[in-house]
C-alpha atoms as a PDB file:
ATOM      1  CA  UNK A   1      -0.325   0.257   0.146  1.00  0.00           C
ATOM      2  CA  UNK A   2       1.237   3.401  -1.075  1.00  0.00           C
ATOM      3  CA  UNK A   3       2.507   6.077   1.435  1.00  0.00           C
ATOM      4  CA  UNK A   4      -0.525   7.511   3.804  1.00  0.00           C
ATOM      5  CA  UNK A   5      -1.381  11.132   3.820  1.00  0.00           C
ATOM      6  CA  UNK A   6       0.291  11.194   7.370  1.00  0.00           C
ATOM      7  CA  UNK A   7       3.574   9.554   5.926  1.00  0.00           C
ATOM      8  CA  UNK A   8       3.949  11.799   2.944  1.00  0.00           C
ATOM      9  CA  UNK A   9       3.694  14.904   5.753  1.00  0.00           C
ATOM     10  CA  UNK A  10       6.213  13.448   8.119  1.00  0.00           C
ATOM     11  CA  UNK A  11       8.539  12.568   5.628  1.00  0.00           C
ATOM     12  CA  UNK A  12       8.194  15.999   3.972  1.00  0.00           C
ATOM     13  CA  UNK A  13       8.662  17.602   7.242  1.00  0.00           C
ATOM     14  CA  UNK A  14      11.936  15.880   7.838  1.00  0.00           C
ATOM     15  CA  UNK A  15      13.358  16.498   4.359  1.00  0.00           C
ATOM     16  CA  UNK A  16      11.955  20.622   4.496  1.00  0.00           C
ATOM     17  CA  UNK A  17      13.757  20.587   7.988  1.00  0.00           C
ATOM     18  CA  UNK A  18      17.434  20.032   5.772  1.00  0.00           C
ATOM     19  CA  UNK A  19      16.256  22.046   2.839  1.00  0.00           C
ATOM     20  CA  UNK A  20      14.607  25.475   3.414  1.00  0.00           C
ATOM     21  CA  UNK A  21      13.814  25.826  -0.055  1.00  0.00           C
ATOM     22  CA  UNK A  22      11.795  22.767  -0.296  1.00  0.00           C
ATOM     23  CA  UNK A  23       9.933  24.176   2.931  1.00  0.00           C
ATOM     24  CA  UNK A  24       9.341  27.253   0.937  1.00  0.00           C
ATOM     25  CA  UNK A  25       7.755  24.833  -2.097  1.00  0.00           C
ATOM     26  CA  UNK A  26       5.511  23.434   0.652  1.00  0.00           C
ATOM     27  CA  UNK A  27       4.199  26.632   1.706  1.00  0.00           C
ATOM     28  CA  UNK A  28       3.307  27.670  -1.624  1.00  0.00           C
ATOM     29  CA  UNK A  29       2.164  24.300  -3.470  1.00  0.00           C
ATOM     30  CA  UNK A  30       0.733  22.568  -0.209  1.00  0.00           C
ATOM     31  CA  UNK A  31       0.965  18.967   0.786  1.00  0.00           C
ATOM     32  CA  UNK A  32       0.103  16.326  -1.914  1.00  0.00           C
ATOM     33  CA  UNK A  33      -2.786  13.865  -1.751  1.00  0.00           C
ATOM     34  CA  UNK A  34      -1.417   9.749  -1.274  1.00  0.00           C
ATOM     35  CA  UNK A  35      -0.705   8.339  -4.903  1.00  0.00           C
ATOM     36  CA  UNK A  36      -1.934   4.512  -3.982  1.00  0.00           C
ATOM     37  CA  UNK A  37      -2.141   1.361  -6.421  1.00  0.00           C
ATOM     38  CA  UNK A  38      -3.178  -2.001  -5.348  1.00  0.00           C
ATOM     39  CA  UNK A  39      -0.087  -4.164  -4.787  1.00  0.00           C
ATOM     40  CA  UNK A  40       0.164  -7.281  -6.969  1.00  0.00           C
ATOM     41  CA  UNK A  41       0.045  -8.535 -10.844  1.00  0.00           C
ATOM     42  CA  UNK A  42      -2.740  -6.570 -11.723  1.00  0.00           C
ATOM     43  CA  UNK A  43      -0.805  -3.051 -11.259  1.00  0.00           C
ATOM     44  CA  UNK A  44       1.949  -4.488 -13.180  1.00  0.00           C
ATOM     45  CA  UNK A  45      -0.124  -5.575 -16.000  1.00  0.00           C
ATOM     46  CA  UNK A  46      -2.291  -2.293 -15.979  1.00  0.00           C
ATOM     47  CA  UNK A  47       1.155  -0.309 -16.237  1.00  0.00           C
ATOM     48  CA  UNK A  48       2.261  -2.201 -19.062  1.00  0.00           C
ATOM     49  CA  UNK A  49      -0.942  -1.609 -20.953  1.00  0.00           C
ATOM     50  CA  UNK A  50      -0.689   1.879 -20.160  1.00  0.00           C
ATOM     51  CA  UNK A  51       2.734   2.527 -21.890  1.00  0.00           C
ATOM     52  CA  UNK A  52       2.898   5.434 -24.425  1.00  0.00           C
ATOM     53  CA  UNK A  53      -1.054   5.665 -24.567  1.00  0.00           C
ATOM     54  CA  UNK A  54      -3.542   8.260 -23.314  1.00  0.00           C
ATOM     55  CA  UNK A  55      -5.410   7.205 -19.756  1.00  0.00           C
ATOM     56  CA  UNK A  56      -8.468   7.056 -21.786  1.00  0.00           C
ATOM     57  CA  UNK A  57      -7.021   4.527 -24.092  1.00  0.00           C
ATOM     58  CA  UNK A  58      -5.578   2.369 -21.520  1.00  0.00           C
ATOM     59  CA  UNK A  59      -8.830   2.255 -20.014  1.00  0.00           C
ATOM     60  CA  UNK A  60     -10.416   1.450 -23.133  1.00  0.00           C
ATOM     61  CA  UNK A  61      -8.034  -1.470 -23.588  1.00  0.00           C
ATOM     62  CA  UNK A  62      -8.249  -2.637 -20.184  1.00  0.00           C
ATOM     63  CA  UNK A  63     -11.878  -3.221 -20.228  1.00  0.00           C
ATOM     64  CA  UNK A  64     -11.947  -5.137 -23.606  1.00  0.00           C
ATOM     65  CA  UNK A  65      -9.089  -7.370 -21.905  1.00  0.00           C
ATOM     66  CA  UNK A  66     -11.108  -8.002 -18.920  1.00  0.00           C
ATOM     67  CA  UNK A  67     -14.420  -8.919 -21.273  1.00  0.00           C
ATOM     68  CA  UNK A  68     -12.096 -11.240 -22.828  1.00  0.00           C
ATOM     69  CA  UNK A  69     -10.245 -12.809 -19.989  1.00  0.00           C
ATOM     70  CA  UNK A  70     -11.950 -12.140 -16.590  1.00  0.00           C
ATOM     71  CA  UNK A  71     -11.327  -9.570 -13.893  1.00  0.00           C
ATOM     72  CA  UNK A  72      -7.998  -8.802 -13.006  1.00  0.00           C
ATOM     73  CA  UNK A  73      -6.959 -10.681 -16.322  1.00  0.00           C
ATOM     74  CA  UNK A  74      -5.674 -13.722 -14.965  1.00  0.00           C
ATOM     75  CA  UNK A  75      -2.383 -14.868 -15.987  1.00  0.00           C
ATOM     76  CA  UNK A  76      -3.312 -18.034 -16.559  1.00  0.00           C
ATOM     77  CA  UNK A  77      -6.187 -16.718 -19.054  1.00  0.00           C
ATOM     78  CA  UNK A  78      -3.815 -14.570 -20.729  1.00  0.00           C
ATOM     79  CA  UNK A  79      -1.244 -16.908 -21.726  1.00  0.00           C
ATOM     80  CA  UNK A  80      -4.015 -19.108 -23.036  1.00  0.00           C
ATOM     81  CA  UNK A  81      -5.316 -16.697 -25.047  1.00  0.00           C
ATOM     82  CA  UNK A  82      -4.116 -16.325 -28.789  1.00  0.00           C
ATOM     83  CA  UNK A  83      -2.346 -13.297 -30.302  1.00  0.00           C
ATOM     84  CA  UNK A  84      -5.210 -12.457 -32.802  1.00  0.00           C
ATOM     85  CA  UNK A  85      -7.590 -12.329 -30.092  1.00  0.00           C
ATOM     86  CA  UNK A  86      -5.295  -9.919 -27.881  1.00  0.00           C
ATOM     87  CA  UNK A  87      -4.887  -7.854 -30.633  1.00  0.00           C
ATOM     88  CA  UNK A  88      -8.583  -7.599 -31.230  1.00  0.00           C
ATOM     89  CA  UNK A  89      -8.641  -6.084 -27.540  1.00  0.00           C
ATOM     90  CA  UNK A  90      -6.186  -3.573 -28.226  1.00  0.00           C
ATOM     91  CA  UNK A  91      -3.127  -4.748 -27.346  1.00  0.00           C
ATOM     92  CA  UNK A  92      -0.102  -4.727 -29.604  1.00  0.00           C
ATOM     93  CA  UNK A  93       2.619  -7.415 -30.519  1.00  0.00           C
ATOM     94  CA  UNK A  94       5.138  -5.567 -28.525  1.00  0.00           C
ATOM     95  CA  UNK A  95       3.120  -5.345 -25.502  1.00  0.00           C
ATOM     96  CA  UNK A  96       1.443  -8.766 -25.691  1.00  0.00           C
ATOM     97  CA  UNK A  97       5.350 -10.107 -24.961  1.00  0.00           C
ATOM     98  CA  UNK A  98       5.422  -7.850 -22.266  1.00  0.00           C
ATOM     99  CA  UNK A  99       2.480  -9.202 -20.487  1.00  0.00           C
ATOM    100  CA  UNK A 100       3.414 -12.948 -21.345  1.00  0.00           C
ATOM    101  CA  UNK A 101       6.684 -12.002 -19.965  1.00  0.00           C
ATOM    102  CA  UNK A 102       4.873 -10.773 -16.824  1.00  0.00           C
ATOM    103  CA  UNK A 103       2.490 -13.950 -16.730  1.00  0.00           C
ATOM    104  CA  UNK A 104       5.256 -16.273 -17.074  1.00  0.00           C
ATOM    105  CA  UNK A 105       7.083 -15.000 -14.581  1.00  0.00           C
ATOM    106  CA  UNK A 106       4.232 -14.685 -11.807  1.00  0.00           C
ATOM    107  CA  UNK A 107       3.075 -18.012 -12.389  1.00  0.00           C
ATOM    108  CA  UNK A 108       6.612 -19.741 -12.276  1.00  0.00           C
ATOM    109  CA  UNK A 109       7.540 -18.111  -9.442  1.00  0.00           C
ATOM    110  CA  UNK A 110      10.229 -16.251 -11.057  1.00  0.00           C
ATOM    111  CA  UNK A 111       9.069 -12.958  -9.579  1.00  0.00           C
ATOM    112  CA  UNK A 112       6.766 -13.212  -6.273  1.00  0.00           C
ATOM    113  CA  UNK A 113       5.243  -9.736  -5.800  1.00  0.00           C
ATOM    114  CA  UNK A 114       4.281 -10.796  -2.530  1.00  0.00           C
ATOM    115  CA  UNK A 115       7.813 -11.212  -1.131  1.00  0.00           C
ATOM    116  CA  UNK A 116      10.209  -8.777  -3.053  1.00  0.00           C
ATOM    117  CA  UNK A 117      13.551  -8.255  -1.413  1.00  0.00           C
ATOM    118  CA  UNK A 118      13.408  -5.445   1.246  1.00  0.00           C
ATOM    119  CA  UNK A 119      16.362  -3.873  -0.364  1.00  0.00           C
ATOM    120  CA  UNK A 120      14.877  -1.272  -2.903  1.00  0.00           C
ATOM    121  CA  UNK A 121      17.823  -1.864  -5.673  1.00  0.00           C
ATOM    122  CA  UNK A 122      17.434  -5.657  -5.157  1.00  0.00           C
ATOM    123  CA  UNK A 123      13.800  -5.024  -5.611  1.00  0.00           C
ATOM    124  CA  UNK A 124      14.012  -2.906  -8.771  1.00  0.00           C
ATOM    125  CA  UNK A 125      16.620  -5.708 -10.526  1.00  0.00           C
ATOM    126  CA  UNK A 126      14.077  -8.561  -9.912  1.00  0.00           C
ATOM    127  CA  UNK A 127      11.171  -6.001 -11.426  1.00  0.00           C
ATOM    128  CA  UNK A 128      13.009  -5.362 -14.393  1.00  0.00           C
ATOM    129  CA  UNK A 129      13.461  -8.932 -15.367  1.00  0.00           C
ATOM    130  CA  UNK A 130      10.006  -8.453 -16.636  1.00  0.00           C
ATOM    131  CA  UNK A 131       9.891  -7.302 -20.050  1.00  0.00           C
ATOM    132  CA  UNK A 132       8.649  -3.919 -20.690  1.00  0.00           C
ATOM    133  CA  UNK A 133       9.263  -2.866 -16.770  1.00  0.00           C
ATOM    134  CA  UNK A 134      12.273  -0.641 -16.831  1.00  0.00           C
ATOM    135  CA  UNK A 135      13.713   0.862 -13.689  1.00  0.00           C
ATOM    136  CA  UNK A 136      10.937   3.709 -13.566  1.00  0.00           C
ATOM    137  CA  UNK A 137       8.116   1.548 -13.807  1.00  0.00           C
ATOM    138  CA  UNK A 138       9.788  -0.416 -11.054  1.00  0.00           C
ATOM    139  CA  UNK A 139      10.231   2.442  -9.042  1.00  0.00           C
ATOM    140  CA  UNK A 140       6.870   3.859  -9.545  1.00  0.00           C
ATOM    141  CA  UNK A 141       5.273   0.121  -8.379  1.00  0.00           C
ATOM    142  CA  UNK A 142       7.535   0.437  -5.087  1.00  0.00           C
ATOM    143  CA  UNK A 143       6.255   3.731  -4.365  1.00  0.00           C
ATOM    144  CA  UNK A 144       2.487   3.693  -5.109  1.00  0.00           C
ATOM    145  CA  UNK A 145       2.075   0.246  -4.548  1.00  0.00           C
ATOM    146  CA  UNK A 146       4.332  -0.985  -1.656  1.00  0.00           C
ATOM    147  CA  UNK A 147       4.711   2.546  -0.147  1.00  0.00           C
ATOM    148  CA  UNK A 148       8.722   2.251   0.261  1.00  0.00           C
ATOM    149  CA  UNK A 149       9.739   5.356   1.701  1.00  0.00           C
ATOM    150  CA  UNK A 150      12.985   6.476   0.186  1.00  0.00           C
ATOM    151  CA  UNK A 151      12.231   5.691  -3.685  1.00  0.00           C
ATOM    152  CA  UNK A 152      13.434   8.539  -5.565  1.00  0.00           C
ATOM    153  CA  UNK A 153      12.944   8.128  -9.768  1.00  0.00           C
ATOM    154  CA  UNK A 154      15.642  10.715 -10.621  1.00  0.00           C
ATOM    155  CA  UNK A 155      14.939   9.506 -14.335  1.00  0.00           C
ATOM    156  CA  UNK A 156      11.318  11.175 -14.294  1.00  0.00           C
ATOM    157  CA  UNK A 157      11.164  14.698 -16.062  1.00  0.00           C
ATOM    158  CA  UNK A 158       8.719  15.779 -13.954  1.00  0.00           C
ATOM    159  CA  UNK A 159      10.938  15.155 -10.992  1.00  0.00           C
ATOM    160  CA  UNK A 160      14.037  16.806 -12.539  1.00  0.00           C
ATOM    161  CA  UNK A 161      11.899  20.193 -13.507  1.00  0.00           C
ATOM    162  CA  UNK A 162      10.064  20.108 -10.381  1.00  0.00           C
ATOM    163  CA  UNK A 163      13.323  20.161  -8.302  1.00  0.00           C
ATOM    164  CA  UNK A 164      14.793  22.572 -10.374  1.00  0.00           C
ATOM    165  CA  UNK A 165      12.068  24.740 -10.130  1.00  0.00           C
ATOM    166  CA  UNK A 166      11.792  24.700  -6.418  1.00  0.00           C
ATOM    167  CA  UNK A 167      15.722  24.601  -5.880  1.00  0.00           C
ATOM    168  CA  UNK A 168      15.883  27.551  -8.293  1.00  0.00           C
ATOM    169  CA  UNK A 169      18.373  26.293 -10.361  1.00  0.00           C
ATOM    170  CA  UNK A 170      18.894  27.791 -13.851  1.00  0.00           C
ATOM    171  CA  UNK A 171      18.458  24.924 -15.772  1.00  0.00           C
ATOM    172  CA  UNK A 172      17.164  21.608 -15.637  1.00  0.00           C
ATOM    173  CA  UNK A 173      19.147  19.099 -13.513  1.00  0.00           C
ATOM    174  CA  UNK A 174      20.308  15.799 -15.133  1.00  0.00           C
ATOM    175  CA  UNK A 175      19.127  12.659 -13.468  1.00  0.00           C
ATOM    176  CA  UNK A 176      22.346  12.095 -11.957  1.00  0.00           C
ATOM    177  CA  UNK A 177      22.205  15.886 -10.414  1.00  0.00           C
ATOM    178  CA  UNK A 178      18.903  15.065  -9.285  1.00  0.00           C
ATOM    179  CA  UNK A 179      19.960  11.880  -7.564  1.00  0.00           C
ATOM    180  CA  UNK A 180      23.045  13.637  -6.196  1.00  0.00           C
ATOM    181  CA  UNK A 181      21.055  16.501  -4.601  1.00  0.00           C
ATOM    182  CA  UNK A 182      18.170  14.284  -3.003  1.00  0.00           C
ATOM    183  CA  UNK A 183      20.947  12.477  -1.043  1.00  0.00           C
ATOM    184  CA  UNK A 184      20.341  14.310   1.818  1.00  0.00           C
ATOM    185  CA  UNK A 185      16.718  13.776   2.039  1.00  0.00           C
ATOM    186  CA  UNK A 186      16.985  10.273   2.755  1.00  0.00           C
ATOM    187  CA  UNK A 187      15.333   8.287   3.872  1.00  0.00           C
ATOM    188  CA  UNK A 188      12.388  10.198   2.956  1.00  0.00           C
ATOM    189  CA  UNK A 189      12.697  10.520  -0.720  1.00  0.00           C
ATOM    190  CA  UNK A 190       9.418   8.896  -1.757  1.00  0.00           C
ATOM    191  CA  UNK A 191       7.166  11.709  -0.011  1.00  0.00           C
ATOM    192  CA  UNK A 192       9.474  14.280  -1.872  1.00  0.00           C
ATOM    193  CA  UNK A 193       9.179  12.607  -5.146  1.00  0.00           C
ATOM    194  CA  UNK A 194       5.604  12.561  -4.552  1.00  0.00           C
ATOM    195  CA  UNK A 195       5.679  16.309  -3.462  1.00  0.00           C
ATOM    196  CA  UNK A 196       7.893  16.974  -6.654  1.00  0.00           C
ATOM    197  CA  UNK A 197       5.063  15.525  -8.882  1.00  0.00           C
ATOM    198  CA  UNK A 198       2.329  17.911  -7.079  1.00  0.00           C
ATOM    199  CA  UNK A 199       4.538  21.169  -7.361  1.00  0.00           C
ATOM    200  CA  UNK A 200       5.270  20.474 -11.134  1.00  0.00           C
ATOM    201  CA  UNK A 201       1.533  20.154 -11.327  1.00  0.00           C
ATOM    202  CA  UNK A 202       0.544  23.100  -9.845  1.00  0.00           C
ATOM    203  CA  UNK A 203       3.527  25.131 -11.697  1.00  0.00           C
ATOM    204  CA  UNK A 204       2.080  24.024 -15.141  1.00  0.00           C
ATOM    205  CA  UNK A 205      -1.615  24.749 -14.271  1.00  0.00           C
END
């Protein structure tokens, strides 16, 4: 389960105590709402379905898949379904490969989502064994579905832009810059990430 509203606030208050510019940004943008996703196979499959398409398109494909495969698109049903049937639901050849990789690893026990390593980097390494799940997707899963408090998706563009803005930097920091900058916010970087997305959306509104 993702970080609670209280957990986010507590983490931000700790990080803001060491970074006055973050404290000022919280004053301006306010505390963010939690971003929570269910833990397990379905959330990762939805991540694959939603890659590079709009939210509305992803929802339409998901609804067709559930109508064909059953609630939650069980891995057994997915693997038993022919290519053309999945394509008719809107799942491309590439995404079918990703979805089948996920289903196979779940059924074989190659990835046990209920028993991921406690070490964040080890958990990321295991999740990225799934085709189509890169580091960013793994980090989002660990932050929003498992509520891991120190996940920091430094490769995310909105994180880079948001951090650059509230720190008053002259240009958007690189992934390495953002990773280095955030060291002093550990072990509360997950709360800062959730705030930074919130701050970014306040910026662009």
